[in-house]
Amino acid sequence: LVDAGVALASGNAALVDAAAAETTANTKLAISGGILDGQLRSVVTALGANGSGIPCASGNYFTATLSTDSLVYFIAPIPANSYSLTYEVEQTGGTISWDTSIKWPADTAPTLATSKTHLFMFVTDDSGSTWRASSLVDYTT
């Protein structure tokens, strides 16, 4: 698709330079509704004893250290109809409960060990009415 003498460009960002195989002049890429400039990341430091929501509009990577019982749920607005996020939890105590909108494989939430780190991935394609979940659990903290 690349001719040795032709440089393809989109806006002011050079996609392919004839002299350099894969370079970009500008790393900001225009998308519908804004600019995507690197990885989106948001940090949630603690959910608290009574639970707290994940603020979806803040990014797509969240972390927390949980020492007491906590409820995981999502705070709208959801950035798009289809949206995914990763939630990294260092669980030092307590148990985690899940909102009823979260659906696990075989309708069974993972069993979690305390004093471990867990990764949870969530995806929705209906603006947050249903969340499909998967997990990688029990990493050494």
C-alpha atoms as a PDB file:
ATOM      1  CA  LEU A   1       0.000   0.000   0.000  1.00  0.00           C
ATOM      2  CA  VAL A   2       2.977   2.325   0.354  1.00  0.00           C
ATOM      3  CA  ASP A   3       4.674   3.621  -2.792  1.00  0.00           C
ATOM      4  CA  ALA A   4       8.362   4.399  -2.271  1.00  0.00           C
ATOM      5  CA  GLY A   5       7.892   7.949  -3.493  1.00  0.00           C
ATOM      6  CA  VAL A   6       4.568   8.807  -1.833  1.00  0.00           C
ATOM      7  CA  ALA A   7       3.901   9.913   1.757  1.00  0.00           C
ATOM      8  CA  LEU A   8       0.385   9.349   3.070  1.00  0.00           C
ATOM      9  CA  ALA A   9      -0.980  11.993   5.404  1.00  0.00           C
ATOM     10  CA  SER A  10      -4.098  12.638   7.454  1.00  0.00           C
ATOM     11  CA  GLY A  11      -4.585  16.214   8.602  1.00  0.00           C
ATOM     12  CA  ASN A  12      -1.210  17.422   9.862  1.00  0.00           C
ATOM     13  CA  ALA A  13      -0.024  13.967  10.997  1.00  0.00           C
ATOM     14  CA  ALA A  14       2.231  12.166   8.527  1.00  0.00           C
ATOM     15  CA  LEU A  15       1.342   8.481   8.629  1.00  0.00           C
ATOM     16  CA  VAL A  16       4.119   7.090   6.453  1.00  0.00           C
ATOM     17  CA  ASP A  17       7.181   8.928   5.229  1.00  0.00           C
ATOM     18  CA  ALA A  18       8.883   7.699   2.061  1.00  0.00           C
ATOM     19  CA  ALA A  19      12.274   7.753   3.818  1.00  0.00           C
ATOM     20  CA  ALA A  20      11.133   6.251   7.139  1.00  0.00           C
ATOM     21  CA  ALA A  21       8.860   3.215   7.146  1.00  0.00           C
ATOM     22  CA  GLU A  22       6.624   4.028  10.135  1.00  0.00           C
ATOM     23  CA  THR A  23       6.868   7.498  11.604  1.00  0.00           C
ATOM     24  CA  THR A  24       4.323   9.990  12.774  1.00  0.00           C
ATOM     25  CA  ALA A  25       4.855  13.731  12.873  1.00  0.00           C
ATOM     26  CA  ASN A  26       2.143  14.292  15.468  1.00  0.00           C
ATOM     27  CA  THR A  27       1.072  11.687  18.056  1.00  0.00           C
ATOM     28  CA  LYS A  28      -2.340  13.262  18.727  1.00  0.00           C
ATOM     29  CA  LEU A  29      -5.035  11.534  16.702  1.00  0.00           C
ATOM     30  CA  ALA A  30      -8.400  13.152  16.101  1.00  0.00           C
ATOM     31  CA  ILE A  31     -11.409  11.033  17.071  1.00  0.00           C
ATOM     32  CA  SER A  32     -15.101  11.781  17.174  1.00  0.00           C
ATOM     33  CA  GLY A  33     -15.709  14.116  20.079  1.00  0.00           C
ATOM     34  CA  GLY A  34     -12.111  14.879  21.034  1.00  0.00           C
ATOM     35  CA  ILE A  35      -8.440  13.975  20.917  1.00  0.00           C
ATOM     36  CA  LEU A  36      -6.879  10.665  21.952  1.00  0.00           C
ATOM     37  CA  ASP A  37      -3.430  11.479  23.317  1.00  0.00           C
ATOM     38  CA  GLY A  38      -1.832   8.379  24.841  1.00  0.00           C
ATOM     39  CA  GLN A  39      -3.317   5.971  27.364  1.00  0.00           C
ATOM     40  CA  LEU A  40      -6.303   7.014  29.455  1.00  0.00           C
ATOM     41  CA  ARG A  41      -5.757   6.262  33.140  1.00  0.00           C
ATOM     42  CA  SER A  42      -7.628   7.173  36.255  1.00  0.00           C
ATOM     43  CA  VAL A  43      -6.715   6.149  39.782  1.00  0.00           C
ATOM     44  CA  VAL A  44      -9.265   5.494  42.507  1.00  0.00           C
ATOM     45  CA  THR A  45      -7.422   5.175  45.808  1.00  0.00           C
ATOM     46  CA  ALA A  46     -10.091   3.479  47.941  1.00  0.00           C
ATOM     47  CA  LEU A  47     -13.718   2.422  47.662  1.00  0.00           C
ATOM     48  CA  GLY A  48     -14.496   2.644  51.383  1.00  0.00           C
ATOM     49  CA  ALA A  49     -16.455   0.474  53.769  1.00  0.00           C
ATOM     50  CA  ASN A  50     -19.871   1.207  52.264  1.00  0.00           C
ATOM     51  CA  GLY A  51     -18.753   0.976  48.663  1.00  0.00           C
ATOM     52  CA  SER A  52     -18.137   3.566  46.042  1.00  0.00           C
ATOM     53  CA  GLY A  53     -18.572   3.649  42.312  1.00  0.00           C
ATOM     54  CA  ILE A  54     -16.111   3.586  39.464  1.00  0.00           C
ATOM     55  CA  PRO A  55     -16.417   6.958  37.680  1.00  0.00           C
ATOM     56  CA  CYS A  56     -16.442   5.713  34.075  1.00  0.00           C
ATOM     57  CA  ALA A  57     -16.099   9.168  32.505  1.00  0.00           C
ATOM     58  CA  SER A  58     -12.699   9.580  34.230  1.00  0.00           C
ATOM     59  CA  GLY A  59     -10.780   7.031  32.130  1.00  0.00           C
ATOM     60  CA  ASN A  60     -10.475   3.309  31.615  1.00  0.00           C
ATOM     61  CA  TYR A  61      -7.931   2.084  34.204  1.00  0.00           C
ATOM     62  CA  PHE A  62      -8.722   2.256  37.899  1.00  0.00           C
ATOM     63  CA  THR A  63      -6.902   1.040  40.998  1.00  0.00           C
ATOM     64  CA  ALA A  64      -7.882   0.676  44.636  1.00  0.00           C
ATOM     65  CA  THR A  65      -6.637  -0.749  47.903  1.00  0.00           C
ATOM     66  CA  LEU A  66      -9.539  -2.317  49.790  1.00  0.00           C
ATOM     67  CA  SER A  67      -9.305  -3.153  53.486  1.00  0.00           C
ATOM     68  CA  THR A  68     -13.022  -3.458  54.306  1.00  0.00           C
ATOM     69  CA  ASP A  69     -16.161  -4.763  52.615  1.00  0.00           C
ATOM     70  CA  SER A  70     -16.896  -2.944  49.371  1.00  0.00           C
ATOM     71  CA  LEU A  71     -19.518  -2.861  46.623  1.00  0.00           C
ATOM     72  CA  VAL A  72     -18.324  -2.379  43.027  1.00  0.00           C
ATOM     73  CA  TYR A  73     -20.657  -0.463  40.714  1.00  0.00           C
ATOM     74  CA  PHE A  74     -20.312   2.029  37.877  1.00  0.00           C
ATOM     75  CA  ILE A  75     -21.058   5.742  37.892  1.00  0.00           C
ATOM     76  CA  ALA A  76     -22.529   7.250  34.730  1.00  0.00           C
ATOM     77  CA  PRO A  77     -22.113   8.823  32.340  1.00  0.00           C
ATOM     78  CA  ILE A  78     -20.638   5.955  30.382  1.00  0.00           C
ATOM     79  CA  PRO A  79     -18.310   7.496  27.734  1.00  0.00           C
ATOM     80  CA  ALA A  80     -19.923   5.590  24.818  1.00  0.00           C
ATOM     81  CA  ASN A  81     -22.422   2.806  24.061  1.00  0.00           C
ATOM     82  CA  SER A  82     -19.451   0.414  23.972  1.00  0.00           C
ATOM     83  CA  TYR A  83     -16.896   0.959  26.718  1.00  0.00           C
ATOM     84  CA  SER A  84     -14.376  -1.171  28.573  1.00  0.00           C
ATOM     85  CA  LEU A  85     -12.237  -0.708  31.653  1.00  0.00           C
ATOM     86  CA  THR A  86      -9.755  -2.473  33.875  1.00  0.00           C
ATOM     87  CA  TYR A  87      -9.980  -2.331  37.652  1.00  0.00           C
ATOM     88  CA  GLU A  88      -6.915  -3.330  39.684  1.00  0.00           C
ATOM     89  CA  VAL A  89      -7.580  -4.112  43.344  1.00  0.00           C
ATOM     90  CA  GLU A  90      -5.125  -4.761  46.135  1.00  0.00           C
ATOM     91  CA  GLN A  91      -7.353  -6.493  48.665  1.00  0.00           C
ATOM     92  CA  THR A  92      -5.931  -6.380  52.183  1.00  0.00           C
ATOM     93  CA  GLY A  93      -9.199  -7.316  53.925  1.00  0.00           C
ATOM     94  CA  GLY A  94     -12.961  -7.462  53.626  1.00  0.00           C
ATOM     95  CA  THR A  95     -15.020  -8.895  50.794  1.00  0.00           C
ATOM     96  CA  ILE A  96     -16.023  -7.475  47.421  1.00  0.00           C
ATOM     97  CA  SER A  97     -19.667  -7.460  46.332  1.00  0.00           C
ATOM     98  CA  TRP A  98     -20.721  -6.821  42.748  1.00  0.00           C
ATOM     99  CA  ASP A  99     -23.560  -4.748  41.318  1.00  0.00           C
ATOM    100  CA  THR A 100     -26.329  -6.842  39.729  1.00  0.00           C
ATOM    101  CA  SER A 101     -25.498  -5.347  36.301  1.00  0.00           C
ATOM    102  CA  ILE A 102     -22.167  -7.256  36.342  1.00  0.00           C
ATOM    103  CA  LYS A 103     -22.366 -10.666  34.664  1.00  0.00           C
ATOM    104  CA  TRP A 104     -19.625 -13.247  35.296  1.00  0.00           C
ATOM    105  CA  PRO A 105     -18.894 -16.418  33.302  1.00  0.00           C
ATOM    106  CA  ALA A 106     -21.267 -19.183  34.426  1.00  0.00           C
ATOM    107  CA  ASP A 107     -22.984 -16.531  36.599  1.00  0.00           C
ATOM    108  CA  THR A 108     -20.272 -17.002  39.244  1.00  0.00           C
ATOM    109  CA  ALA A 109     -18.088 -14.202  40.587  1.00  0.00           C
ATOM    110  CA  PRO A 110     -14.472 -15.204  41.273  1.00  0.00           C
ATOM    111  CA  THR A 111     -13.356 -16.364  44.699  1.00  0.00           C
ATOM    112  CA  LEU A 112     -10.763 -13.920  45.993  1.00  0.00           C
ATOM    113  CA  ALA A 113      -7.969 -14.310  48.528  1.00  0.00           C
ATOM    114  CA  THR A 114      -7.063 -11.401  50.779  1.00  0.00           C
ATOM    115  CA  SER A 115      -3.525  -9.984  50.775  1.00  0.00           C
ATOM    116  CA  LYS A 116      -3.502 -10.416  46.991  1.00  0.00           C
ATOM    117  CA  THR A 117      -3.890  -8.210  43.917  1.00  0.00           C
ATOM    118  CA  HIS A 118      -6.711  -8.871  41.461  1.00  0.00           C
ATOM    119  CA  LEU A 119      -7.450  -7.562  37.966  1.00  0.00           C
ATOM    120  CA  PHE A 120     -11.014  -7.218  36.710  1.00  0.00           C
ATOM    121  CA  MET A 121     -11.950  -6.364  33.143  1.00  0.00           C
ATOM    122  CA  PHE A 122     -15.412  -5.057  32.300  1.00  0.00           C
ATOM    123  CA  VAL A 123     -17.091  -4.318  28.967  1.00  0.00           C
ATOM    124  CA  THR A 124     -20.523  -2.979  28.099  1.00  0.00           C
ATOM    125  CA  ASP A 125     -22.178  -2.574  24.709  1.00  0.00           C
ATOM    126  CA  ASP A 126     -25.461  -1.145  25.997  1.00  0.00           C
ATOM    127  CA  SER A 127     -24.326   2.036  27.795  1.00  0.00           C
ATOM    128  CA  GLY A 128     -23.841   0.254  31.110  1.00  0.00           C
ATOM    129  CA  SER A 129     -27.087  -1.670  31.547  1.00  0.00           C
ATOM    130  CA  THR A 130     -25.107  -4.932  31.442  1.00  0.00           C
ATOM    131  CA  TRP A 131     -21.391  -5.401  32.124  1.00  0.00           C
ATOM    132  CA  ARG A 132     -19.570  -8.586  31.029  1.00  0.00           C
ATOM    133  CA  ALA A 133     -16.754  -9.296  33.460  1.00  0.00           C
ATOM    134  CA  SER A 134     -13.593 -11.372  33.550  1.00  0.00           C
ATOM    135  CA  SER A 135     -10.871 -11.664  36.145  1.00  0.00           C
ATOM    136  CA  LEU A 136      -7.234 -12.495  36.798  1.00  0.00           C
ATOM    137  CA  VAL A 137      -6.945 -13.061  40.530  1.00  0.00           C
ATOM    138  CA  ASP A 138      -4.605 -13.792  43.402  1.00  0.00           C
ATOM    139  CA  TYR A 139      -1.378 -12.137  42.271  1.00  0.00           C
ATOM    140  CA  THR A 140       1.223 -11.684  44.982  1.00  0.00           C
ATOM    141  CA  THR A 141       1.041  -8.027  46.051  1.00  0.00           C
END
